[in-house]
Structure formats: C-alpha cells, structure tokens
C-alpha atoms as a PDB file:
ATOM      1  CA  UNK A   1     101.196  71.766  76.332  1.00  0.00           C
ATOM      2  CA  UNK A   2     102.913  69.198  78.503  1.00  0.00           C
ATOM      3  CA  UNK A   3     101.073  65.807  78.899  1.00  0.00           C
ATOM      4  CA  UNK A   4     100.473  64.879  82.464  1.00  0.00           C
ATOM      5  CA  UNK A   5      99.938  61.210  83.282  1.00  0.00           C
ATOM      6  CA  UNK A   6      97.715  59.672  86.043  1.00  0.00           C
ATOM      7  CA  UNK A   7     100.829  58.420  87.784  1.00  0.00           C
ATOM      8  CA  UNK A   8     102.322  61.961  87.843  1.00  0.00           C
ATOM      9  CA  UNK A   9      99.089  63.347  89.223  1.00  0.00           C
ATOM     10  CA  UNK A  10      98.961  60.699  91.954  1.00  0.00           C
ATOM     11  CA  UNK A  11     102.567  61.356  92.921  1.00  0.00           C
ATOM     12  CA  UNK A  12     102.113  65.146  92.999  1.00  0.00           C
ATOM     13  CA  UNK A  13      98.760  65.009  94.984  1.00  0.00           C
ATOM     14  CA  UNK A  14     100.479  62.806  97.665  1.00  0.00           C
ATOM     15  CA  UNK A  15     102.859  65.580  98.409  1.00  0.00           C
ATOM     16  CA  UNK A  16     100.260  68.234  99.160  1.00  0.00           C
ATOM     17  CA  UNK A  17     100.377  69.898 102.621  1.00  0.00           C
ATOM     18  CA  UNK A  18      97.625  71.572 104.649  1.00  0.00           C
ATOM     19  CA  UNK A  19      97.689  75.404 104.746  1.00  0.00           C
ATOM     20  CA  UNK A  20      95.091  78.009 105.789  1.00  0.00           C
ATOM     21  CA  UNK A  21      93.726  80.774 103.527  1.00  0.00           C
ATOM     22  CA  UNK A  22      92.217  83.919 105.000  1.00  0.00           C
ATOM     23  CA  UNK A  23      90.044  86.290 102.928  1.00  0.00           C
ATOM     24  CA  UNK A  24      90.313  89.755 104.549  1.00  0.00           C
ATOM     25  CA  UNK A  25      87.299  92.088 103.953  1.00  0.00           C
ATOM     26  CA  UNK A  26      86.500  95.614 104.824  1.00  0.00           C
ATOM     27  CA  UNK A  27      84.961  95.689 108.319  1.00  0.00           C
ATOM     28  CA  UNK A  28      82.178  97.854 109.630  1.00  0.00           C
ATOM     29  CA  UNK A  29      84.682 100.555 110.808  1.00  0.00           C
ATOM     30  CA  UNK A  30      86.968 100.429 107.821  1.00  0.00           C
ATOM     31  CA  UNK A  31      86.467 104.099 107.141  1.00  0.00           C
ATOM     32  CA  UNK A  32      86.848 105.459 110.671  1.00  0.00           C
ATOM     33  CA  UNK A  33      89.386 108.262 111.102  1.00  0.00           C
ATOM     34  CA  UNK A  34      92.278 106.194 112.486  1.00  0.00           C
ATOM     35  CA  UNK A  35      91.792 103.306 109.980  1.00  0.00           C
ATOM     36  CA  UNK A  36      94.656 104.361 107.707  1.00  0.00           C
ATOM     37  CA  UNK A  37      97.112 104.164 110.610  1.00  0.00           C
ATOM     38  CA  UNK A  38      95.787 100.761 111.616  1.00  0.00           C
ATOM     39  CA  UNK A  39      95.892  99.491 108.033  1.00  0.00           C
ATOM     40  CA  UNK A  40      99.562 100.641 107.838  1.00  0.00           C
ATOM     41  CA  UNK A  41     100.275  98.722 111.044  1.00  0.00           C
ATOM     42  CA  UNK A  42      98.436  95.740 109.457  1.00  0.00           C
ATOM     43  CA  UNK A  43     100.986  95.726 106.684  1.00  0.00           C
ATOM     44  CA  UNK A  44     103.882  95.922 109.260  1.00  0.00           C
ATOM     45  CA  UNK A  45     102.308  92.914 111.105  1.00  0.00           C
ATOM     46  CA  UNK A  46     102.042  90.962 107.879  1.00  0.00           C
ATOM     47  CA  UNK A  47     105.786  91.511 107.136  1.00  0.00           C
ATOM     48  CA  UNK A  48     106.638  90.465 110.685  1.00  0.00           C
ATOM     49  CA  UNK A  49     104.567  87.223 110.502  1.00  0.00           C
ATOM     50  CA  UNK A  50     106.090  86.442 107.173  1.00  0.00           C
ATOM     51  CA  UNK A  51     109.582  86.849 108.610  1.00  0.00           C
ATOM     52  CA  UNK A  52     108.533  84.468 111.444  1.00  0.00           C
ATOM     53  CA  UNK A  53     107.447  81.817 108.800  1.00  0.00           C
ATOM     54  CA  UNK A  54     103.790  81.727 109.732  1.00  0.00           C
ATOM     55  CA  UNK A  55     102.429  83.569 106.630  1.00  0.00           C
ATOM     56  CA  UNK A  56     103.558  82.445 103.254  1.00  0.00           C
ATOM     57  CA  UNK A  57     101.778  84.502 100.721  1.00  0.00           C
ATOM     58  CA  UNK A  58     100.145  88.004 100.928  1.00  0.00           C
ATOM     59  CA  UNK A  59      97.973  89.152  98.105  1.00  0.00           C
ATOM     60  CA  UNK A  60      96.376  92.630  98.448  1.00  0.00           C
ATOM     61  CA  UNK A  61      93.209  92.947  96.359  1.00  0.00           C
ATOM     62  CA  UNK A  62      93.196  96.173  94.154  1.00  0.00           C
ATOM     63  CA  UNK A  63      89.785  96.127  92.584  1.00  0.00           C
ATOM     64  CA  UNK A  64      87.930  98.414  95.008  1.00  0.00           C
ATOM     65  CA  UNK A  65      85.691  95.539  96.210  1.00  0.00           C
ATOM     66  CA  UNK A  66      84.955  94.591  99.745  1.00  0.00           C
ATOM     67  CA  UNK A  67      87.817  92.134  99.687  1.00  0.00           C
ATOM     68  CA  UNK A  68      91.092  93.685 100.907  1.00  0.00           C
ATOM     69  CA  UNK A  69      93.338  90.691 100.577  1.00  0.00           C
ATOM     70  CA  UNK A  70      94.061  87.035 100.500  1.00  0.00           C
ATOM     71  CA  UNK A  71      96.681  85.431 102.685  1.00  0.00           C
ATOM     72  CA  UNK A  72      97.978  81.897 102.872  1.00  0.00           C
ATOM     73  CA  UNK A  73      99.188  80.872 106.385  1.00  0.00           C
ATOM     74  CA  UNK A  74     101.641  78.099 106.966  1.00  0.00           C
ATOM     75  CA  UNK A  75      99.710  76.911 110.066  1.00  0.00           C
ATOM     76  CA  UNK A  76      96.570  74.906 110.694  1.00  0.00           C
ATOM     77  CA  UNK A  77      93.082  76.505 110.808  1.00  0.00           C
ATOM     78  CA  UNK A  78      92.898  76.505 114.636  1.00  0.00           C
ATOM     79  CA  UNK A  79      96.212  78.423 114.991  1.00  0.00           C
ATOM     80  CA  UNK A  80      95.121  80.859 112.150  1.00  0.00           C
ATOM     81  CA  UNK A  81      91.774  81.417 113.985  1.00  0.00           C
ATOM     82  CA  UNK A  82      93.610  82.100 117.200  1.00  0.00           C
ATOM     83  CA  UNK A  83      95.951  84.463 115.465  1.00  0.00           C
ATOM     84  CA  UNK A  84      93.122  86.381 113.654  1.00  0.00           C
ATOM     85  CA  UNK A  85      91.111  86.578 116.947  1.00  0.00           C
ATOM     86  CA  UNK A  86      94.055  88.387 118.486  1.00  0.00           C
ATOM     87  CA  UNK A  87      94.477  90.638 115.416  1.00  0.00           C
ATOM     88  CA  UNK A  88      94.000  94.360 116.297  1.00  0.00           C
ATOM     89  CA  UNK A  89      92.375  95.214 112.915  1.00  0.00           C
ATOM     90  CA  UNK A  90      89.729  92.549 113.420  1.00  0.00           C
ATOM     91  CA  UNK A  91      89.077  93.414 117.044  1.00  0.00           C
ATOM     92  CA  UNK A  92      88.606  97.082 116.059  1.00  0.00           C
ATOM     93  CA  UNK A  93      86.250  96.234 113.165  1.00  0.00           C
ATOM     94  CA  UNK A  94      88.581  97.557 110.483  1.00  0.00           C
ATOM     95  CA  UNK A  95      88.706  94.175 108.840  1.00  0.00           C
ATOM     96  CA  UNK A  96      86.508  91.027 108.884  1.00  0.00           C
ATOM     97  CA  UNK A  97      87.947  87.692 107.790  1.00  0.00           C
ATOM     98  CA  UNK A  98      87.015  84.219 106.458  1.00  0.00           C
ATOM     99  CA  UNK A  99      89.277  81.312 107.234  1.00  0.00           C
ATOM    100  CA  UNK A 100      89.425  78.291 104.868  1.00  0.00           C
ATOM    101  CA  UNK A 101      91.501  75.023 105.106  1.00  0.00           C
ATOM    102  CA  UNK A 102      93.348  74.536 101.867  1.00  0.00           C
ATOM    103  CA  UNK A 103      96.045  72.267 100.378  1.00  0.00           C
ATOM    104  CA  UNK A 104      98.954  73.072  98.200  1.00  0.00           C
ATOM    105  CA  UNK A 105     102.294  71.813  97.238  1.00  0.00           C
ATOM    106  CA  UNK A 106     105.297  72.637  99.399  1.00  0.00           C
ATOM    107  CA  UNK A 107     107.550  75.051  97.543  1.00  0.00           C
ATOM    108  CA  UNK A 108     104.709  76.572  95.513  1.00  0.00           C
ATOM    109  CA  UNK A 109     105.194  80.257  95.295  1.00  0.00           C
ATOM    110  CA  UNK A 110     104.353  83.310  93.196  1.00  0.00           C
ATOM    111  CA  UNK A 111     106.871  83.958  90.451  1.00  0.00           C
ATOM    112  CA  UNK A 112     109.674  86.457  91.316  1.00  0.00           C
ATOM    113  CA  UNK A 113     109.711  89.891  89.584  1.00  0.00           C
END
C-alpha cells in the first residue's frame, strides 16, 4: 500500500470542492399505476441534467430497499433544493429525497467499464 504523508493529505484536502448529494427514496405513491412511466421520465431527466453539467454522478440502488438512488450534483445545496422542489417525481409523491452538502475532489469519478 502507498504511504501517504501529512503534507500530501493537506495538499489534497485543500483542493476539495463543495457538491451536493441527494438520496432518493421511494415515496408514498411509488406504486401507483403511472409510476413506471414517471420513473422512466425520471431517468430521461437525469440524463438531461448530466448533459447540462448539473449532475455529476448517478447511482441507482439495486438492493430492493427504500433507497432508489444516490446522486451527486455539481451545484450548491440551495440550487439542488430548488431543482428537487421542481422535480415532477417528488411533487407527485413517487420519490422523496434527502439533500446533503458534501465535499469531494474535482475530477473524482467512478471507474470506466
């Protein structure tokens, strides 16, 4: 394992940037008849906001829990909250969400396939 010095740690930590994480959960009306269509459109919206540079990472959760996904936005908490308040899936009760301020390193990403 690589040895990491205190100096390296300080340098790396000084480069962190603020991001916003959302935890998307099943909402009260997640099982209503038109939910599958809305969930499909939710996916389309995710792709769109990724292309616009607002959403950096999308992680669907596949363990059949109440958590549907984790997303990392490239905007501040207030903008993410505004965005989520306008979100049709949340307005309709298909999804609920938590919003958390986080820090990460610019350029961090999931490994390519």
